Every structure is written in structure tokens, then in C-alpha cells.
Protein backbone atom coordinates (compact mmCIF):
# COMPACT_ATOMS: atom_id res chain seq x y z
CA MET A 1 -92.10 -22.34 112.26
CA GLU A 2 -93.01 -20.37 109.12
CA SER A 3 -95.81 -17.83 109.39
CA LYS A 4 -98.97 -18.39 107.41
CA PRO A 5 -99.11 -16.35 104.16
CA SER A 6 -101.42 -13.36 104.34
CA ALA A 7 -104.48 -12.97 102.16
CA ASP A 8 -102.67 -10.35 100.07
CA SER A 9 -99.76 -12.69 99.49
CA LEU A 10 -102.04 -15.58 98.52
CA HIS A 11 -103.93 -13.33 96.12
CA ALA A 12 -100.69 -12.23 94.45
CA ARG A 13 -99.64 -15.87 94.01
CA SER A 14 -102.71 -16.64 91.96
CA ALA A 15 -103.26 -13.30 90.22
CA ALA A 16 -103.99 -13.32 86.50
CA ILE A 17 -101.28 -12.16 84.12
CA ASP A 18 -102.93 -8.78 83.43
CA GLU A 19 -103.26 -8.08 87.16
CA ILE A 20 -99.59 -8.88 87.78
CA THR A 21 -98.62 -5.81 85.73
CA LEU A 22 -100.49 -3.69 88.28
CA LEU A 23 -99.38 -5.59 91.36
CA VAL A 24 -95.64 -5.04 90.68
CA HIS A 25 -96.27 -1.43 91.74
CA ASP A 26 -98.07 -2.39 94.96
CA PRO A 27 -96.49 -0.86 98.11
CA ASN A 28 -97.27 -3.95 100.22
CA PRO A 29 -94.11 -6.13 100.60
CA GLU A 30 -96.28 -9.23 101.12
CA VAL A 31 -97.87 -8.72 97.70
CA LEU A 32 -94.45 -8.50 96.07
CA GLN A 33 -93.29 -11.61 97.91
CA GLY A 34 -96.39 -13.45 96.72
CA LEU A 35 -95.72 -12.44 93.12
CA LEU A 36 -92.41 -14.31 93.18
CA ASP A 37 -94.37 -17.53 93.63
CA ASN A 38 -96.84 -16.76 90.88
CA PRO A 39 -96.17 -19.13 87.94
CA LEU A 40 -97.40 -16.47 85.50
CA LEU A 41 -94.76 -13.93 86.57
CA ASN A 42 -92.55 -13.45 83.50
CA GLU A 43 -89.34 -11.60 82.70
CA THR A 44 -91.14 -8.41 81.68
CA HIS A 45 -92.99 -8.32 85.00
CA LEU A 46 -89.82 -9.00 86.96
CA LEU A 47 -87.84 -6.27 85.19
CA LEU A 48 -90.62 -3.79 85.96
CA LEU A 49 -90.47 -4.89 89.57
CA LEU A 50 -86.68 -4.55 89.76
CA GLU A 51 -86.90 -0.96 88.52
CA ARG A 52 -88.33 -0.08 91.93
CA LYS A 53 -85.67 1.53 94.12
CA ASP A 54 -87.56 0.74 97.34
CA LEU A 55 -87.01 -3.03 97.19
CA SER A 56 -85.29 -4.45 100.25
CA ALA A 57 -82.10 -6.50 100.26
CA GLY A 58 -84.12 -9.42 101.62
CA PHE A 59 -86.49 -9.28 98.68
CA LEU A 60 -83.61 -9.26 96.19
CA GLU A 61 -82.19 -12.35 97.92
CA ALA A 62 -85.59 -13.98 97.52
CA VAL A 63 -85.49 -13.24 93.77
CA VAL A 64 -82.13 -14.95 93.41
CA ARG A 65 -83.39 -18.04 95.25
CA ARG A 66 -85.97 -18.51 92.47
CA ARG A 67 -83.56 -19.90 89.89
CA THR A 68 -86.16 -19.94 87.14
CA LEU A 69 -86.51 -16.16 87.49
CA ILE A 70 -82.87 -15.22 87.00
CA LYS A 71 -81.97 -17.08 83.84
CA SER A 72 -81.88 -14.00 81.60
CA SER A 73 -78.96 -11.60 81.39
CA ALA A 74 -81.37 -8.65 81.68
CA VAL A 75 -82.58 -9.80 85.09
CA LYS A 76 -79.03 -10.42 86.31
CA LYS A 77 -78.05 -6.92 85.20
CA ALA A 78 -81.08 -5.40 86.94
CA LEU A 79 -80.13 -7.18 90.16
CA ALA A 80 -76.45 -6.13 89.97
CA PHE A 81 -77.38 -2.48 89.32
CA HIS A 82 -80.02 -2.25 92.04
CA PRO A 83 -79.00 0.28 94.75
CA HIS A 84 -79.93 -2.14 97.57
CA VAL A 85 -78.32 -5.25 96.12
CA PRO A 86 -76.72 -7.27 98.95
CA ARG A 87 -73.19 -8.55 98.50
CA ILE A 88 -74.31 -12.19 98.36
CA VAL A 89 -76.65 -11.44 95.42
CA PHE A 90 -74.04 -9.32 93.67
CA ILE A 91 -71.48 -12.13 93.86
CA ARG A 92 -74.05 -14.52 92.42
CA VAL A 93 -74.73 -12.45 89.28
CA VAL A 94 -71.68 -10.25 88.60
CA ARG A 95 -69.60 -12.95 86.91
CA GLU A 96 -72.34 -13.48 84.35
CA LEU A 97 -72.65 -9.86 83.22
CA TYR A 98 -71.58 -8.73 79.77
CA LEU A 99 -68.28 -6.87 79.45
CA MET A 100 -69.67 -3.39 78.87
CA ASP A 101 -72.25 -3.85 81.64
CA LEU A 102 -69.35 -4.51 83.99
CA VAL A 103 -67.62 -1.37 82.75
CA GLN A 104 -70.77 0.69 83.32
CA LEU A 105 -71.16 -0.77 86.80
CA THR A 106 -67.59 0.15 87.81
CA LEU A 107 -68.08 3.74 86.65
CA LEU A 108 -71.42 4.41 88.32
CA PRO A 109 -70.95 6.76 91.30
CA THR A 110 -73.77 4.95 93.12
CA THR A 111 -72.02 1.56 93.07
CA GLN A 112 -70.80 0.63 96.55
CA ALA A 113 -67.00 0.67 96.82
CA GLY A 114 -66.73 -2.99 97.78
CA LEU A 115 -69.01 -4.11 94.95
CA LYS A 116 -67.18 -1.90 92.47
CA ARG A 117 -63.94 -3.63 93.37
CA LEU A 118 -65.55 -7.05 92.84
CA ALA A 119 -66.76 -5.98 89.40
CA GLU A 120 -63.28 -4.69 88.57
CA ASP A 121 -61.80 -8.01 89.66
CA VAL A 122 -64.10 -9.82 87.24
CA LEU A 123 -63.12 -7.45 84.43
CA ILE A 124 -59.41 -7.84 85.12
CA SER A 125 -59.72 -11.63 85.22
CA ARG A 126 -61.13 -11.53 81.67
CA LEU A 127 -58.45 -9.29 80.13
CA GLY A 128 -56.24 -12.13 78.93
CA GLN A 129 -59.09 -13.57 76.85
CA LEU A 130 -60.12 -10.33 75.13
CA PRO A 131 -59.26 -9.41 71.54
CA LEU A 132 -57.26 -6.24 70.87
CA GLY A 133 -60.31 -4.20 69.85
CA GLN A 134 -62.07 -4.79 73.16
CA LYS A 135 -58.90 -4.07 75.11
CA LEU A 136 -58.57 -0.73 73.32
CA ALA A 137 -62.20 0.10 74.12
CA LEU A 138 -61.63 -0.77 77.79
CA ALA A 139 -58.37 1.16 77.95
CA ARG A 140 -60.21 4.24 76.73
CA ARG A 141 -63.10 4.27 79.19
CA ALA A 142 -62.60 1.74 82.00
CA SER A 143 -62.01 2.60 85.67
CA SER A 144 -58.56 3.35 87.06
CA ARG A 145 -57.80 -0.20 88.26
CA VAL A 146 -58.84 -1.78 84.96
CA ALA A 147 -56.94 0.80 82.89
CA GLY A 148 -53.91 0.21 85.12
CA ALA A 149 -54.14 -3.55 84.60
CA LEU A 150 -54.26 -3.01 80.83
CA LEU A 151 -51.25 -0.71 81.04
CA ALA A 152 -49.36 -3.30 83.06
CA GLU A 153 -49.83 -5.87 80.28
CA GLY A 154 -47.21 -3.93 78.33
CA HIS A 155 -48.94 -3.90 74.95
CA ALA A 156 -47.73 -0.71 73.23
CA GLN A 157 -50.98 0.19 71.45
CA VAL A 158 -53.17 -0.51 74.47
CA ALA A 159 -50.78 1.32 76.80
CA THR A 160 -50.90 4.46 74.65
CA VAL A 161 -54.69 4.54 74.96
CA ALA A 162 -54.72 3.63 78.67
CA LEU A 163 -52.37 6.50 79.52
CA ASP A 164 -54.97 8.92 78.15
CA ASN A 165 -57.77 7.36 80.21
CA PRO A 166 -59.21 10.21 82.36
CA PHE A 167 -59.72 7.83 85.31
CA LEU A 168 -56.15 6.51 85.37
CA THR A 169 -54.32 7.52 88.57
CA GLU A 170 -50.66 7.99 89.37
CA ALA A 171 -50.85 5.00 91.72
CA GLN A 172 -51.84 2.73 88.84
CA VAL A 173 -49.08 4.07 86.59
CA LEU A 174 -46.53 3.45 89.35
CA LYS A 175 -47.91 -0.05 89.89
CA ALA A 176 -47.45 -0.82 86.19
CA LEU A 177 -43.90 0.54 86.26
CA SER A 178 -43.10 -1.70 89.22
CA HIS A 179 -43.16 -4.66 86.83
CA MET A 180 -39.54 -5.23 85.91
CA GLN A 181 -40.51 -6.98 82.66
CA PHE A 182 -42.28 -3.87 81.40
CA PRO A 183 -41.16 -3.40 77.75
CA ALA A 184 -38.70 -0.60 76.97
CA GLY A 185 -41.02 0.79 74.29
CA VAL A 186 -43.86 1.22 76.77
CA VAL A 187 -41.48 2.72 79.35
CA LYS A 188 -40.55 5.32 76.74
CA THR A 189 -44.25 5.93 75.99
CA VAL A 190 -44.84 6.73 79.68
CA ALA A 191 -41.72 8.91 79.79
CA THR A 192 -42.87 11.03 76.85
CA HIS A 193 -46.55 11.26 77.79
CA ARG A 194 -47.78 14.84 78.08
CA LYS A 195 -49.29 14.23 81.53
CA TRP A 196 -47.40 11.40 83.21
CA SER A 197 -43.96 12.60 82.13
CA LEU A 198 -44.52 15.61 84.41
CA SER A 199 -45.20 13.53 87.52
CA TYR A 200 -42.22 13.54 89.87
CA ASN A 201 -42.99 10.09 91.30
CA VAL A 202 -43.38 8.66 87.80
CA ARG A 203 -40.01 10.15 86.84
CA LEU A 204 -38.39 8.44 89.83
CA ALA A 205 -40.01 5.14 88.89
CA LEU A 206 -38.77 5.51 85.32
CA LEU A 207 -35.21 6.10 86.56
CA ARG A 208 -35.36 2.90 88.59
CA HIS A 209 -36.77 0.79 85.78
CA PRO A 210 -34.19 -1.48 84.13
CA ALA A 211 -35.80 -1.07 80.70
CA ALA A 212 -35.63 2.74 80.73
CA PRO A 213 -33.66 3.87 77.65
CA LEU A 214 -30.58 5.98 78.33
CA ALA A 215 -32.12 8.94 76.53
CA VAL A 216 -35.08 8.81 78.93
CA VAL A 217 -32.78 8.64 81.96
CA LEU A 218 -30.70 11.61 80.81
CA ALA A 219 -33.82 13.67 80.13
CA ILE A 220 -35.20 12.96 83.61
CA LEU A 221 -32.06 13.49 85.71
CA PRO A 222 -32.18 17.34 85.65
CA HIS A 223 -35.67 17.22 87.19
CA ILE A 224 -34.76 15.07 90.20
CA THR A 225 -33.77 16.63 93.53
CA VAL A 226 -30.18 16.28 94.70
CA GLY A 227 -31.38 14.35 97.74
CA ASP A 228 -33.07 11.72 95.61
CA LEU A 229 -30.10 11.62 93.24
CA ARG A 230 -27.81 10.84 96.16
CA VAL A 231 -30.08 7.98 97.21
CA LEU A 232 -30.05 6.63 93.67
CA SER A 233 -26.29 6.96 93.32
CA SER A 234 -25.71 4.72 96.33
CA SER A 235 -28.39 2.20 95.40
CA GLU A 236 -27.85 -1.02 93.55
CA VAL A 237 -31.20 -0.54 91.83
CA LEU A 238 -29.41 1.31 89.06
CA PRO A 239 -26.71 -0.37 86.98
CA ALA A 240 -23.16 0.94 87.43
CA ASN A 241 -23.09 2.97 84.21
CA LEU A 242 -26.28 4.84 85.15
CA ARG A 243 -24.97 5.54 88.65
CA CYS A 244 -22.07 7.31 86.95
CA TYR A 245 -24.51 9.61 85.13
CA VAL A 246 -26.32 10.27 88.41
CA ALA A 247 -23.04 11.09 90.15
CA HIS A 248 -22.12 13.43 87.29
CA GLU A 249 -25.48 15.19 87.62
CA ILE A 250 -24.93 15.66 91.36
CA GLU A 251 -21.48 17.12 90.78
CA LYS A 252 -22.81 19.46 88.11
CA ARG A 253 -25.50 20.73 90.48
CA MET A 254 -23.02 21.21 93.33
CA SER A 255 -20.61 23.10 91.05
CA ALA A 256 -23.41 25.37 89.91
CA ALA A 257 -24.41 26.00 93.53
CA ARG A 258 -20.83 26.94 94.48
CA GLY A 259 -20.60 29.42 91.59
CA PRO A 260 -17.54 30.31 89.50
CA ARG A 261 -14.25 30.57 91.36
CA GLU A 262 -12.80 34.02 91.71
CA LYS A 263 -9.90 34.67 89.40
CA ALA A 264 -6.56 35.07 91.04
CA PRO A 265 -5.10 38.64 90.78
């Protein structure tokens, strides 16, 4: 059985439009709940209300249940960015956010990890529909997962920008390189990048990639440990001709380790 609304709640439901502007700052939760049922509550009032950081998750759920209140993109954004937004509310509004609002949401340090991942999923699901200009903008400033997804698409121009993204991680670069259909041109771009070309794990991934140009392979071999070279030489991951180069590199290292033979008297 529902409890009877309090006098404060009833007053808020019927408050005049000028009074609503004051009541959105009221500390009484019952007043705020009553405002949601006031037919004069407009978008401006609601946005002022949603600026409050002390709103409870339950109250935000109540906002979403009033469908007439959440028609505007501004209100949906305010709900998604609220520090106490519950997952159920976030799921309801995140798919309707604008692209750059999603980007901002994924980069905010206050966004909960689980909600950030949901926002990234929405962004990634839209990548195939975006024009080149928007992809380049995303590649430049998006989060690691989104930049990695753009890199994995294999578009040379986008990949060049994504590799310079300050949020891009080694894990995302390796994930992109795990795609066997990755274009040779983009593989070469990774191999010559001033940062990622120095990563040992990236170098190993480049060696294993079927699209790696021979020049890239030969440039990387001297930087790989003998132990890893031996694993590669006995693996069918590399084609036979490249295994020959690996074997040659191993022999060269072993010869250097043994030193020059002493001349016979």
C-alpha cells in the first residue's frame, strides 16, 4: 500500500512556475519528488535540478519513469553524467547521446568503470556509420578502447592518427595486430611509429603478422631475444622463407657469442 503524500510533496505538485525555480534547491526529498508530478515543471527547471550532486539513484530512476520529462537530449545528457546515475538509467539514455557527449563521458575520471565501458560499446557500435572526418576526430581524442577499435579497422589515415592518441595502450595495439587481415600498409605504419616501434611485444606481434613487409621483419629481428627467435623458428606461424631469416639471425648471434676462432700456428 502506497504511503500518503506529505504536505510538502502536495505543495510542490501544485506550486506556481516562479516558485518551482526556488523549490528545485529544496533539501527535502519529498519536495523534489513532488516537483516531478508538477505539470508546470519544464526542461529548464529539470536541468537545474539535475545539476544537484546530492540526488539519489532512486530519484533519478523516478525522473526516467516520467517519459514526458526526458524527451530532450540535454536532459538525457544530464542524467548520464550525474555521479549517482544507476546502471538502469544509464542504459536507458546512453544510446541516445550525441557522439562527442559519449566521448566526453568515456574520458571523465568520475565515470564508473562499468558505465564507461557501456558508453565505449555504444561508440564502437557507431564507428562503421561515421564519415572519415568524425573518425579522425575520434582517433585523436577518444579513449583507449575506441582508439584501438579505429586502429583495428585498418584505414591508413585513421590508423596514423590513432597511434598518436595519448590514451592508446599497448594492449589495444596488440589486439589490432591480432587481426590477420590487417593491411600491410598499416602494419608498416605501426612498425615505423616513434613510440610503438620500440615496444618489444609489438615487435613480436609484427613478426608474426602475415602482412608484415620483409623490410619490417629484417629491421625487427636484431631486437628479438634468441629465446623468442628459437620459438619463432620452430613455429608454423611464420612462412618458411621468414623462418630461414630467423634461423640465420640465430646463427649470427651464436657465432658472435662464440667469438672469432683462434688462428692455427
